[in-house]
Amino acid sequence: MASSNFYLVLSLIMAITLSSIHGSSAARSLLQTSQPTVPPLPKATLPPLPTMPNLPTATLPPLPTNPTLPKPTLPPMPAMPKVALPPLPTNPLPTMPSIPTIPTNMPSFPFLSPPPSN
C-alpha cells in the first residue's frame, strides 16, 4: 500500500515538473514573437446632451419656533437625619486546629500463609 502511494506522489511530482517546463517554453516563445498591429478603432460621435430647463423654485414658509415654557420650581430637599450605627459585637476568633504528625516509620503488611498442600 505504501509503495502505491509513493508511485502516486512521484508521478504527481513528475507531471508538475513537466508541465512547468512546457509552460516555460510556451512563455519564452510568446516573448520572442512580435506583437501584432492593432488597427485604430473609429471614434464614436455622440449627440450633445440636452440642456436642463430652469425649474421654478418653491417658496417655503418660515419654520415655527418652539414655545418657551416656564421653569418649574421644586421644593427644597429635606435634610437626612444623622443616624449612629450600633457597635459591632466582637466575636472571638476560633482556635487553629493542630497540624497532624506524619508517621516516619513504614507500616508492616501482613503476609498470608501459603495454602496447605494435599
PDB file of N, CA and C in Angstrom:
ATOM      1  N   MET A   1       0.831  -1.194   0.000  1.00  0.00           N
ATOM      2  CA  MET A   1       0.000   0.000   0.000  1.00  0.00           C
ATOM      3  C   MET A   1       0.870   1.250   0.000  1.00  0.00           C
ATOM      4  N   ALA A   2       1.980   1.192   0.763  1.00  0.00           N
ATOM      5  CA  ALA A   2       2.862   2.354   0.836  1.00  0.00           C
ATOM      6  C   ALA A   2       3.564   2.586  -0.492  1.00  0.00           C
ATOM      7  N   SER A   3       3.866   1.506  -1.206  1.00  0.00           N
ATOM      8  CA  SER A   3       4.564   1.680  -2.484  1.00  0.00           C
ATOM      9  C   SER A   3       3.652   2.339  -3.520  1.00  0.00           C
ATOM     10  N   SER A   4       2.344   2.030  -3.481  1.00  0.00           N
ATOM     11  CA  SER A   4       1.439   2.664  -4.444  1.00  0.00           C
ATOM     12  C   SER A   4       1.304   4.159  -4.151  1.00  0.00           C
ATOM     13  N   ASN A   5       1.318   4.537  -2.868  1.00  0.00           N
ATOM     14  CA  ASN A   5       1.282   5.963  -2.517  1.00  0.00           C
ATOM     15  C   ASN A   5       2.558   6.654  -2.983  1.00  0.00           C
ATOM     16  N   PHE A   6       3.694   5.956  -2.860  1.00  0.00           N
ATOM     17  CA  PHE A   6       4.965   6.526  -3.299  1.00  0.00           C
ATOM     18  C   PHE A   6       4.943   6.778  -4.799  1.00  0.00           C
ATOM     19  N   TYR A   7       4.448   5.799  -5.562  1.00  0.00           N
ATOM     20  CA  TYR A   7       4.410   5.962  -7.014  1.00  0.00           C
ATOM     21  C   TYR A   7       3.419   7.056  -7.420  1.00  0.00           C
ATOM     22  N   LEU A   8       2.335   7.188  -6.676  1.00  0.00           N
ATOM     23  CA  LEU A   8       1.360   8.243  -6.964  1.00  0.00           C
ATOM     24  C   LEU A   8       1.990   9.624  -6.742  1.00  0.00           C
ATOM     25  N   VAL A   9       2.673   9.790  -5.627  1.00  0.00           N
ATOM     26  CA  VAL A   9       3.311  11.071  -5.328  1.00  0.00           C
ATOM     27  C   VAL A   9       4.410  11.355  -6.339  1.00  0.00           C
ATOM     28  N   LEU A  10       5.186  10.326  -6.704  1.00  0.00           N
ATOM     29  CA  LEU A  10       6.257  10.502  -7.680  1.00  0.00           C
ATOM     30  C   LEU A  10       5.699  10.906  -9.042  1.00  0.00           C
ATOM     31  N   SER A  11       4.590  10.281  -9.450  1.00  0.00           N
ATOM     32  CA  SER A  11       4.005  10.634 -10.746  1.00  0.00           C
ATOM     33  C   SER A  11       3.428  12.057 -10.723  1.00  0.00           C
ATOM     34  N   LEU A  12       2.869  12.486  -9.596  1.00  0.00           N
ATOM     35  CA  LEU A  12       2.359  13.858  -9.499  1.00  0.00           C
ATOM     36  C   LEU A  12       3.502  14.869  -9.586  1.00  0.00           C
ATOM     37  N   ILE A  13       4.611  14.578  -8.930  1.00  0.00           N
ATOM     38  CA  ILE A  13       5.764  15.489  -8.983  1.00  0.00           C
ATOM     39  C   ILE A  13       6.306  15.568 -10.404  1.00  0.00           C
ATOM     40  N   MET A  14       6.372  14.437 -11.088  1.00  0.00           N
ATOM     41  CA  MET A  14       6.871  14.436 -12.467  1.00  0.00           C
ATOM     42  C   MET A  14       5.932  15.216 -13.381  1.00  0.00           C
ATOM     43  N   ALA A  15       4.612  15.046 -13.198  1.00  0.00           N
ATOM     44  CA  ALA A  15       3.646  15.757 -14.043  1.00  0.00           C
ATOM     45  C   ALA A  15       3.751  17.267 -13.829  1.00  0.00           C
ATOM     46  N   ILE A  16       3.909  17.687 -12.581  1.00  0.00           N
ATOM     47  CA  ILE A  16       4.035  19.125 -12.298  1.00  0.00           C
ATOM     48  C   ILE A  16       5.320  19.670 -12.900  1.00  0.00           C
ATOM     49  N   THR A  17       6.401  18.906 -12.800  1.00  0.00           N
ATOM     50  CA  THR A  17       7.679  19.358 -13.354  1.00  0.00           C
ATOM     51  C   THR A  17       7.601  19.494 -14.864  1.00  0.00           C
ATOM     52  N   LEU A  18       7.030  18.486 -15.529  1.00  0.00           N
ATOM     53  CA  LEU A  18       6.940  18.535 -16.984  1.00  0.00           C
ATOM     54  C   LEU A  18       6.011  19.655 -17.450  1.00  0.00           C
ATOM     55  N   SER A  19       4.918  19.881 -16.717  1.00  0.00           N
ATOM     56  CA  SER A  19       4.005  20.950 -17.130  1.00  0.00           C
ATOM     57  C   SER A  19       4.648  22.316 -16.925  1.00  0.00           C
ATOM     58  N   SER A  20       5.467  22.463 -15.886  1.00  0.00           N
ATOM     59  CA  SER A  20       6.123  23.757 -15.690  1.00  0.00           C
ATOM     60  C   SER A  20       7.177  23.990 -16.768  1.00  0.00           C
ATOM     61  N   ILE A  21       7.849  22.917 -17.216  1.00  0.00           N
ATOM     62  CA  ILE A  21       8.822  23.063 -18.306  1.00  0.00           C
ATOM     63  C   ILE A  21       8.100  23.466 -19.587  1.00  0.00           C
ATOM     64  N   HIS A  22       6.964  22.840 -19.858  1.00  0.00           N
ATOM     65  CA  HIS A  22       6.183  23.163 -21.053  1.00  0.00           C
ATOM     66  C   HIS A  22       5.670  24.603 -20.983  1.00  0.00           C
ATOM     67  N   GLY A  23       5.218  25.013 -19.806  1.00  0.00           N
ATOM     68  CA  GLY A  23       4.735  26.383 -19.645  1.00  0.00           C
ATOM     69  C   GLY A  23       5.851  27.391 -19.828  1.00  0.00           C
ATOM     70  N   SER A  24       7.050  27.066 -19.351  1.00  0.00           N
ATOM     71  CA  SER A  24       8.186  27.982 -19.511  1.00  0.00           C
ATOM     72  C   SER A  24       8.555  28.140 -20.975  1.00  0.00           C
ATOM     73  N   SER A  25       8.558  27.029 -21.721  1.00  0.00           N
ATOM     74  CA  SER A  25       8.912  27.131 -23.143  1.00  0.00           C
ATOM     75  C   SER A  25       7.832  27.888 -23.923  1.00  0.00           C
ATOM     76  N   ALA A  26       6.570  27.724 -23.559  1.00  0.00           N
ATOM     77  CA  ALA A  26       5.493  28.457 -24.224  1.00  0.00           C
ATOM     78  C   ALA A  26       5.597  29.953 -23.930  1.00  0.00           C
ATOM     79  N   ALA A  27       5.942  30.308 -22.701  1.00  0.00           N
ATOM     80  CA  ALA A  27       6.089  31.718 -22.354  1.00  0.00           C
ATOM     81  C   ALA A  27       7.263  32.332 -23.099  1.00  0.00           C
ATOM     82  N   ARG A  28       8.359  31.570 -23.255  1.00  0.00           N
ATOM     83  CA  ARG A  28       9.523  32.088 -23.974  1.00  0.00           C
ATOM     84  C   ARG A  28       9.175  32.330 -25.440  1.00  0.00           C
ATOM     85  N   SER A  29       8.428  31.395 -26.042  1.00  0.00           N
ATOM     86  CA  SER A  29       8.078  31.583 -27.453  1.00  0.00           C
ATOM     87  C   SER A  29       7.140  32.776 -27.629  1.00  0.00           C
ATOM     88  N   LEU A  30       6.273  33.028 -26.651  1.00  0.00           N
ATOM     89  CA  LEU A  30       5.401  34.202 -26.734  1.00  0.00           C
ATOM     90  C   LEU A  30       6.198  35.490 -26.594  1.00  0.00           C
ATOM     91  N   LEU A  31       7.244  35.471 -25.770  1.00  0.00           N
ATOM     92  CA  LEU A  31       8.060  36.668 -25.605  1.00  0.00           C
ATOM     93  C   LEU A  31       8.879  36.964 -26.853  1.00  0.00           C
ATOM     94  N   GLN A  32       9.255  35.926 -27.605  1.00  0.00           N
ATOM     95  CA  GLN A  32      10.105  36.120 -28.773  1.00  0.00           C
ATOM     96  C   GLN A  32       9.318  36.575 -29.998  1.00  0.00           C
ATOM     97  N   THR A  33       8.026  36.346 -30.034  1.00  0.00           N
ATOM     98  CA  THR A  33       7.224  36.776 -31.183  1.00  0.00           C
ATOM     99  C   THR A  33       6.934  38.265 -31.075  1.00  0.00           C
ATOM    100  N   SER A  34       6.733  38.906 -32.213  1.00  0.00           N
ATOM    101  CA  SER A  34       6.424  40.335 -32.205  1.00  0.00           C
ATOM    102  C   SER A  34       4.925  40.522 -31.997  1.00  0.00           C
ATOM    103  N   GLN A  35       4.582  41.652 -31.430  1.00  0.00           N
ATOM    104  CA  GLN A  35       3.178  41.919 -31.162  1.00  0.00           C
ATOM    105  C   GLN A  35       2.479  42.309 -32.457  1.00  0.00           C
ATOM    106  N   PRO A  36       1.245  41.826 -32.658  1.00  0.00           N
ATOM    107  CA  PRO A  36       0.526  42.180 -33.884  1.00  0.00           C
ATOM    108  C   PRO A  36       0.087  43.641 -33.830  1.00  0.00           C
ATOM    109  N   THR A  37      -0.046  44.234 -35.004  1.00  0.00           N
ATOM    110  CA  THR A  37      -0.511  45.623 -35.067  1.00  0.00           C
ATOM    111  C   THR A  37      -2.026  45.640 -35.023  1.00  0.00           C
ATOM    112  N   VAL A  38      -2.544  46.462 -34.165  1.00  0.00           N
ATOM    113  CA  VAL A  38      -3.987  46.563 -33.987  1.00  0.00           C
ATOM    114  C   VAL A  38      -4.449  47.807 -34.733  1.00  0.00           C
ATOM    115  N   PRO A  39      -5.441  47.677 -35.643  1.00  0.00           N
ATOM    116  CA  PRO A  39      -5.919  48.864 -36.361  1.00  0.00           C
ATOM    117  C   PRO A  39      -6.635  49.791 -35.389  1.00  0.00           C
ATOM    118  N   PRO A  40      -6.557  51.093 -35.619  1.00  0.00           N
ATOM    119  CA  PRO A  40      -7.232  52.018 -34.703  1.00  0.00           C
ATOM    120  C   PRO A  40      -8.747  51.890 -34.846  1.00  0.00           C
ATOM    121  N   LEU A  41      -9.400  51.955 -33.728  1.00  0.00           N
ATOM    122  CA  LEU A  41     -10.858  51.853 -33.720  1.00  0.00           C
ATOM    123  C   LEU A  41     -11.464  53.215 -34.036  1.00  0.00           C
ATOM    124  N   PRO A  42     -12.608  53.247 -34.732  1.00  0.00           N
ATOM    125  CA  PRO A  42     -13.233  54.540 -35.042  1.00  0.00           C
ATOM    126  C   PRO A  42     -13.811  55.161 -33.780  1.00  0.00           C
ATOM    127  N   LYS A  43     -13.734  56.470 -33.715  1.00  0.00           N
ATOM    128  CA  LYS A  43     -14.275  57.193 -32.568  1.00  0.00           C
ATOM    129  C   LYS A  43     -15.773  57.365 -32.765  1.00  0.00           C
ATOM    130  N   ALA A  44     -16.513  57.057 -31.733  1.00  0.00           N
ATOM    131  CA  ALA A  44     -17.964  57.205 -31.795  1.00  0.00           C
ATOM    132  C   ALA A  44     -18.320  58.661 -31.530  1.00  0.00           C
ATOM    133  N   THR A  45     -19.198  59.212 -32.354  1.00  0.00           N
ATOM    134  CA  THR A  45     -19.646  60.597 -32.154  1.00  0.00           C
ATOM    135  C   THR A  45     -20.983  60.559 -31.444  1.00  0.00           C
ATOM    136  N   LEU A  46     -21.043  61.234 -30.334  1.00  0.00           N
ATOM    137  CA  LEU A  46     -22.267  61.253 -29.539  1.00  0.00           C
ATOM    138  C   LEU A  46     -22.972  62.588 -29.741  1.00  0.00           C
ATOM    139  N   PRO A  47     -24.314  62.590 -29.736  1.00  0.00           N
ATOM    140  CA  PRO A  47     -25.028  63.866 -29.854  1.00  0.00           C
ATOM    141  C   PRO A  47     -24.831  64.659 -28.565  1.00  0.00           C
ATOM    142  N   PRO A  48     -24.941  65.979 -28.643  1.00  0.00           N
ATOM    143  CA  PRO A  48     -24.768  66.781 -27.420  1.00  0.00           C
ATOM    144  C   PRO A  48     -25.920  66.520 -26.450  1.00  0.00           C
ATOM    145  N   LEU A  49     -25.611  66.651 -25.180  1.00  0.00           N
ATOM    146  CA  LEU A  49     -26.633  66.446 -24.151  1.00  0.00           C
ATOM    147  C   LEU A  49     -27.644  67.586 -24.191  1.00  0.00           C
ATOM    148  N   PRO A  50     -28.933  67.296 -23.946  1.00  0.00           N
ATOM    149  CA  PRO A  50     -29.924  68.378 -23.945  1.00  0.00           C
ATOM    150  C   PRO A  50     -29.711  69.273 -22.724  1.00  0.00           C
ATOM    151  N   THR A  51     -30.107  70.524 -22.891  1.00  0.00           N
ATOM    152  CA  THR A  51     -29.953  71.475 -21.784  1.00  0.00           C
ATOM    153  C   THR A  51     -31.084  71.271 -20.788  1.00  0.00           C
ATOM    154  N   MET A  52     -30.748  71.483 -19.526  1.00  0.00           N
ATOM    155  CA  MET A  52     -31.752  71.326 -18.476  1.00  0.00           C
ATOM    156  C   MET A  52     -32.602  72.590 -18.412  1.00  0.00           C
ATOM    157  N   PRO A  53     -33.940  72.448 -18.393  1.00  0.00           N
ATOM    158  CA  PRO A  53     -34.775  73.654 -18.288  1.00  0.00           C
ATOM    159  C   PRO A  53     -34.691  74.219 -16.874  1.00  0.00           C
ATOM    160  N   ASN A  54     -34.895  75.520 -16.762  1.00  0.00           N
ATOM    161  CA  ASN A  54     -34.897  76.158 -15.447  1.00  0.00           C
ATOM    162  C   ASN A  54     -36.222  75.857 -14.764  1.00  0.00           C
ATOM    163  N   LEU A  55     -36.134  75.236 -13.597  1.00  0.00           N
ATOM    164  CA  LEU A  55     -37.334  74.899 -12.835  1.00  0.00           C
ATOM    165  C   LEU A  55     -37.639  76.021 -11.857  1.00  0.00           C
ATOM    166  N   PRO A  56     -38.940  76.272 -11.599  1.00  0.00           N
ATOM    167  CA  PRO A  56     -39.266  77.326 -10.629  1.00  0.00           C
ATOM    168  C   PRO A  56     -38.879  76.868  -9.220  1.00  0.00           C
ATOM    169  N   THR A  57     -38.431  77.816  -8.426  1.00  0.00           N
ATOM    170  CA  THR A  57     -38.072  77.485  -7.049  1.00  0.00           C
ATOM    171  C   THR A  57     -39.292  77.693  -6.170  1.00  0.00           C
ATOM    172  N   ALA A  58     -39.490  76.795  -5.235  1.00  0.00           N
ATOM    173  CA  ALA A  58     -40.642  76.874  -4.339  1.00  0.00           C
ATOM    174  C   ALA A  58     -40.304  77.779  -3.167  1.00  0.00           C
ATOM    175  N   THR A  59     -41.287  78.567  -2.753  1.00  0.00           N
ATOM    176  CA  THR A  59     -41.101  79.426  -1.577  1.00  0.00           C
ATOM    177  C   THR A  59     -41.669  78.684  -0.376  1.00  0.00           C
ATOM    178  N   LEU A  60     -40.840  78.492   0.614  1.00  0.00           N
ATOM    179  CA  LEU A  60     -41.255  77.759   1.807  1.00  0.00           C
ATOM    180  C   LEU A  60     -41.577  78.735   2.924  1.00  0.00           C
ATOM    181  N   PRO A  61     -42.598  78.417   3.741  1.00  0.00           N
ATOM    182  CA  PRO A  61     -42.890  79.296   4.882  1.00  0.00           C
ATOM    183  C   PRO A  61     -41.785  79.138   5.933  1.00  0.00           C
ATOM    184  N   PRO A  62     -41.628  80.141   6.780  1.00  0.00           N
ATOM    185  CA  PRO A  62     -40.591  80.018   7.823  1.00  0.00           C
ATOM    186  C   PRO A  62     -40.972  78.933   8.828  1.00  0.00           C
ATOM    187  N   LEU A  63     -39.950  78.320   9.416  1.00  0.00           N
ATOM    188  CA  LEU A  63     -40.190  77.267  10.403  1.00  0.00           C
ATOM    189  C   LEU A  63     -40.728  77.877  11.688  1.00  0.00           C
ATOM    190  N   PRO A  64     -41.703  77.215  12.331  1.00  0.00           N
ATOM    191  CA  PRO A  64     -42.217  77.760  13.591  1.00  0.00           C
ATOM    192  C   PRO A  64     -41.172  77.595  14.701  1.00  0.00           C
ATOM    193  N   THR A  65     -41.240  78.495  15.655  1.00  0.00           N
ATOM    194  CA  THR A  65     -40.310  78.422  16.789  1.00  0.00           C
ATOM    195  C   THR A  65     -40.972  77.652  17.919  1.00  0.00           C
ATOM    196  N   ASN A  66     -40.147  77.017  18.735  1.00  0.00           N
ATOM    197  CA  ASN A  66     -40.677  76.282  19.885  1.00  0.00           C
ATOM    198  C   ASN A  66     -41.106  77.272  20.958  1.00  0.00           C
ATOM    199  N   PRO A  67     -42.265  77.030  21.586  1.00  0.00           N
ATOM    200  CA  PRO A  67     -42.686  77.951  22.653  1.00  0.00           C
ATOM    201  C   PRO A  67     -41.798  77.755  23.881  1.00  0.00           C
ATOM    202  N   THR A  68     -41.577  78.834  24.597  1.00  0.00           N
ATOM    203  CA  THR A  68     -40.780  78.743  25.821  1.00  0.00           C
ATOM    204  C   THR A  68     -41.711  78.416  26.973  1.00  0.00           C
ATOM    205  N   LEU A  69     -41.327  77.428  27.762  1.00  0.00           N
ATOM    206  CA  LEU A  69     -42.139  77.007  28.903  1.00  0.00           C
ATOM    207  C   LEU A  69     -41.546  77.584  30.175  1.00  0.00           C
ATOM    208  N   PRO A  70     -42.404  77.875  31.165  1.00  0.00           N
ATOM    209  CA  PRO A  70     -41.862  78.395  32.435  1.00  0.00           C
ATOM    210  C   PRO A  70     -41.116  77.280  33.177  1.00  0.00           C
ATOM    211  N   LYS A  71     -40.049  77.669  33.899  1.00  0.00           N
ATOM    212  CA  LYS A  71     -39.274  76.692  34.647  1.00  0.00           C
ATOM    213  C   LYS A  71     -40.032  76.336  35.917  1.00  0.00           C
ATOM    214  N   PRO A  72     -40.195  75.036  36.193  1.00  0.00           N
ATOM    215  CA  PRO A  72     -40.892  74.654  37.429  1.00  0.00           C
ATOM    216  C   PRO A  72     -39.968  74.864  38.634  1.00  0.00           C
ATOM    217  N   THR A  73     -40.567  75.242  39.727  1.00  0.00           N
ATOM    218  CA  THR A  73     -39.794  75.411  40.965  1.00  0.00           C
ATOM    219  C   THR A  73     -40.023  74.182  41.825  1.00  0.00           C
ATOM    220  N   LEU A  74     -38.942  73.602  42.281  1.00  0.00           N
ATOM    221  CA  LEU A  74     -39.028  72.400  43.105  1.00  0.00           C
ATOM    222  C   LEU A  74     -38.847  72.769  44.563  1.00  0.00           C
ATOM    223  N   PRO A  75     -39.516  72.037  45.462  1.00  0.00           N
ATOM    224  CA  PRO A  75     -39.308  72.321  46.891  1.00  0.00           C
ATOM    225  C   PRO A  75     -37.904  71.873  47.297  1.00  0.00           C
ATOM    226  N   PRO A  76     -37.359  72.451  48.351  1.00  0.00           N
ATOM    227  CA  PRO A  76     -36.013  72.053  48.764  1.00  0.00           C
ATOM    228  C   PRO A  76     -36.015  70.612  49.285  1.00  0.00           C
ATOM    229  N   MET A  77     -34.887  69.963  49.129  1.00  0.00           N
ATOM    230  CA  MET A  77     -34.760  68.576  49.584  1.00  0.00           C
ATOM    231  C   MET A  77     -34.678  68.557  51.105  1.00  0.00           C
ATOM    232  N   PRO A  78     -35.355  67.601  51.729  1.00  0.00           N
ATOM    233  CA  PRO A  78     -35.255  67.526  53.195  1.00  0.00           C
ATOM    234  C   PRO A  78     -33.860  67.033  53.596  1.00  0.00           C
ATOM    235  N   ALA A  79     -33.421  67.457  54.755  1.00  0.00           N
ATOM    236  CA  ALA A  79     -32.105  67.047  55.246  1.00  0.00           C
ATOM    237  C   ALA A  79     -32.205  65.629  55.799  1.00  0.00           C
ATOM    238  N   MET A  80     -31.164  64.847  55.535  1.00  0.00           N
ATOM    239  CA  MET A  80     -31.142  63.475  56.044  1.00  0.00           C
ATOM    240  C   MET A  80     -30.738  63.501  57.514  1.00  0.00           C
ATOM    241  N   PRO A  81     -31.455  62.753  58.344  1.00  0.00           N
ATOM    242  CA  PRO A  81     -31.069  62.738  59.763  1.00  0.00           C
ATOM    243  C   PRO A  81     -29.785  61.929  59.946  1.00  0.00           C
ATOM    244  N   LYS A  82     -28.953  62.342  60.914  1.00  0.00           N
ATOM    245  CA  LYS A  82     -27.724  61.629  61.222  1.00  0.00           C
ATOM    246  C   LYS A  82     -28.079  60.447  62.111  1.00  0.00           C
ATOM    247  N   VAL A  83     -27.704  59.263  61.660  1.00  0.00           N
ATOM    248  CA  VAL A  83     -28.017  58.047  62.409  1.00  0.00           C
ATOM    249  C   VAL A  83     -26.707  57.441  62.879  1.00  0.00           C
ATOM    250  N   ALA A  84     -26.630  57.113  64.151  1.00  0.00           N
ATOM    251  CA  ALA A  84     -25.437  56.467  64.700  1.00  0.00           C
ATOM    252  C   ALA A  84     -25.630  54.958  64.598  1.00  0.00           C
ATOM    253  N   LEU A  85     -24.612  54.287  64.092  1.00  0.00           N
ATOM    254  CA  LEU A  85     -24.695  52.840  63.955  1.00  0.00           C
ATOM    255  C   LEU A  85     -24.379  52.180  65.287  1.00  0.00           C
ATOM    256  N   PRO A  86     -25.053  51.064  65.583  1.00  0.00           N
ATOM    257  CA  PRO A  86     -24.732  50.365  66.838  1.00  0.00           C
ATOM    258  C   PRO A  86     -23.351  49.717  66.723  1.00  0.00           C
ATOM    259  N   PRO A  87     -22.664  49.531  67.837  1.00  0.00           N
ATOM    260  CA  PRO A  87     -21.337  48.910  67.758  1.00  0.00           C
ATOM    261  C   PRO A  87     -21.461  47.440  67.358  1.00  0.00           C
ATOM    262  N   LEU A  88     -20.470  46.991  66.605  1.00  0.00           N
ATOM    263  CA  LEU A  88     -20.473  45.596  66.174  1.00  0.00           C
ATOM    264  C   LEU A  88     -20.059  44.697  67.326  1.00  0.00           C
ATOM    265  N   PRO A  89     -20.683  43.515  67.430  1.00  0.00           N
ATOM    266  CA  PRO A  89     -20.254  42.601  68.502  1.00  0.00           C
ATOM    267  C   PRO A  89     -18.870  42.037  68.170  1.00  0.00           C
ATOM    268  N   THR A  90     -18.069  41.858  69.204  1.00  0.00           N
ATOM    269  CA  THR A  90     -16.730  41.300  68.998  1.00  0.00           C
ATOM    270  C   THR A  90     -16.797  39.807  69.244  1.00  0.00           C
ATOM    271  N   ASN A  91     -16.631  39.048  68.207  1.00  0.00           N
ATOM    272  CA  ASN A  91     -16.630  37.593  68.330  1.00  0.00           C
ATOM    273  C   ASN A  91     -15.188  37.123  68.452  1.00  0.00           C
ATOM    274  N   PRO A  92     -14.917  36.184  69.351  1.00  0.00           N
ATOM    275  CA  PRO A  92     -13.542  35.687  69.457  1.00  0.00           C
ATOM    276  C   PRO A  92     -13.210  34.828  68.238  1.00  0.00           C
ATOM    277  N   LEU A  93     -11.946  34.887  67.834  1.00  0.00           N
ATOM    278  CA  LEU A  93     -11.511  34.088  66.697  1.00  0.00           C
ATOM    279  C   LEU A  93     -11.451  32.620  67.093  1.00  0.00           C
ATOM    280  N   PRO A  94     -11.775  31.714  66.172  1.00  0.00           N
ATOM    281  CA  PRO A  94     -11.694  30.282  66.520  1.00  0.00           C
ATOM    282  C   PRO A  94     -10.230  29.871  66.670  1.00  0.00           C
ATOM    283  N   THR A  95     -10.023  28.836  67.453  1.00  0.00           N
ATOM    284  CA  THR A  95      -8.658  28.340  67.664  1.00  0.00           C
ATOM    285  C   THR A  95      -8.222  27.552  66.440  1.00  0.00           C
ATOM    286  N   MET A  96      -6.922  27.655  66.148  1.00  0.00           N
ATOM    287  CA  MET A  96      -6.370  26.941  64.995  1.00  0.00           C
ATOM    288  C   MET A  96      -6.254  25.464  65.346  1.00  0.00           C
ATOM    289  N   PRO A  97      -6.675  24.573  64.427  1.00  0.00           N
ATOM    290  CA  PRO A  97      -6.504  23.145  64.718  1.00  0.00           C
ATOM    291  C   PRO A  97      -5.025  22.781  64.647  1.00  0.00           C
ATOM    292  N   SER A  98      -4.665  21.761  65.386  1.00  0.00           N
ATOM    293  CA  SER A  98      -3.261  21.337  65.396  1.00  0.00           C
ATOM    294  C   SER A  98      -2.969  20.552  64.126  1.00  0.00           C
ATOM    295  N   ILE A  99      -1.737  20.692  63.651  1.00  0.00           N
ATOM    296  CA  ILE A  99      -1.331  20.003  62.428  1.00  0.00           C
ATOM    297  C   ILE A  99      -1.020  18.560  62.791  1.00  0.00           C
ATOM    298  N   PRO A 100      -1.610  17.587  62.081  1.00  0.00           N
ATOM    299  CA  PRO A 100      -1.328  16.182  62.434  1.00  0.00           C
ATOM    300  C   PRO A 100       0.116  15.831  62.096  1.00  0.00           C
ATOM    301  N   THR A 101       0.641  14.923  62.860  1.00  0.00           N
ATOM    302  CA  THR A 101       2.022  14.485  62.625  1.00  0.00           C
ATOM    303  C   THR A 101       2.012  13.343  61.626  1.00  0.00           C
ATOM    304  N   ILE A 102       3.012  13.349  60.753  1.00  0.00           N
ATOM    305  CA  ILE A 102       3.134  12.308  59.734  1.00  0.00           C
ATOM    306  C   ILE A 102       4.033  11.221  60.300  1.00  0.00           C
ATOM    307  N   PRO A 103       3.570   9.957  60.252  1.00  0.00           N
ATOM    308  CA  PRO A 103       4.434   8.884  60.794  1.00  0.00           C
ATOM    309  C   PRO A 103       5.681   8.733  59.933  1.00  0.00           C
ATOM    310  N   THR A 104       6.791   8.471  60.602  1.00  0.00           N
ATOM    311  CA  THR A 104       8.059   8.344  59.884  1.00  0.00           C
ATOM    312  C   THR A 104       8.433   6.900  59.618  1.00  0.00           C
ATOM    313  N   ASN A 105       7.848   5.954  60.342  1.00  0.00           N
ATOM    314  CA  ASN A 105       8.189   4.543  60.092  1.00  0.00           C
ATOM    315  C   ASN A 105       7.176   3.935  59.131  1.00  0.00           C
ATOM    316  N   MET A 106       7.619   2.947  58.375  1.00  0.00           N
ATOM    317  CA  MET A 106       6.790   2.284  57.377  1.00  0.00           C
ATOM    318  C   MET A 106       5.956   1.203  58.067  1.00  0.00           C
ATOM    319  N   PRO A 107       4.637   1.154  57.843  1.00  0.00           N
ATOM    320  CA  PRO A 107       3.851   0.080  58.484  1.00  0.00           C
ATOM    321  C   PRO A 107       4.158  -1.256  57.814  1.00  0.00           C
ATOM    322  N   SER A 108       4.047  -2.293  58.592  1.00  0.00           N
ATOM    323  CA  SER A 108       4.313  -3.634  58.043  1.00  0.00           C
ATOM    324  C   SER A 108       3.010  -4.212  57.508  1.00  0.00           C
ATOM    325  N   PHE A 109       3.144  -4.924  56.404  1.00  0.00           N
ATOM    326  CA  PHE A 109       1.972  -5.547  55.796  1.00  0.00           C
ATOM    327  C   PHE A 109       1.887  -6.995  56.257  1.00  0.00           C
ATOM    328  N   PRO A 110       0.698  -7.463  56.589  1.00  0.00           N
ATOM    329  CA  PRO A 110       0.604  -8.885  56.999  1.00  0.00           C
ATOM    330  C   PRO A 110       0.746  -9.780  55.770  1.00  0.00           C
ATOM    331  N   PHE A 111       1.509 -10.826  55.920  1.00  0.00           N
ATOM    332  CA  PHE A 111       1.705 -11.778  54.833  1.00  0.00           C
ATOM    333  C   PHE A 111       0.763 -12.946  55.026  1.00  0.00           C
ATOM    334  N   LEU A 112       0.202 -13.418  53.941  1.00  0.00           N
ATOM    335  CA  LEU A 112      -0.716 -14.556  54.003  1.00  0.00           C
ATOM    336  C   LEU A 112       0.098 -15.842  53.961  1.00  0.00           C
ATOM    337  N   SER A 113      -0.372 -16.791  54.697  1.00  0.00           N
ATOM    338  CA  SER A 113       0.331 -18.085  54.702  1.00  0.00           C
ATOM    339  C   SER A 113      -0.038 -18.849  53.443  1.00  0.00           C
ATOM    340  N   PRO A 114       0.856 -19.654  52.904  1.00  0.00           N
ATOM    341  CA  PRO A 114       0.533 -20.414  51.700  1.00  0.00           C
ATOM    342  C   PRO A 114      -0.555 -21.439  51.974  1.00  0.00           C
ATOM    343  N   PRO A 115      -1.311 -21.806  50.961  1.00  0.00           N
ATOM    344  CA  PRO A 115      -2.384 -22.796  51.184  1.00  0.00           C
ATOM    345  C   PRO A 115      -1.775 -24.167  51.522  1.00  0.00           C
ATOM    346  N   PRO A 116      -2.500 -24.934  52.300  1.00  0.00           N
ATOM    347  CA  PRO A 116      -1.971 -26.278  52.657  1.00  0.00           C
ATOM    348  C   PRO A 116      -1.956 -27.179  51.427  1.00  0.00           C
ATOM    349  N   SER A 117      -0.933 -27.980  51.322  1.00  0.00           N
ATOM    350  CA  SER A 117      -0.840 -28.901  50.184  1.00  0.00           C
ATOM    351  C   SER A 117      -1.500 -30.212  50.532  1.00  0.00           C
ATOM    352  N   ASN A 118      -2.184 -30.834  49.673  1.00  0.00           N
ATOM    353  CA  ASN A 118      -2.884 -32.107  49.926  1.00  0.00           C
ATOM    354  C   ASN A 118      -2.040 -33.277  49.581  1.00  0.00           C
TER     355      ASN A 118
END
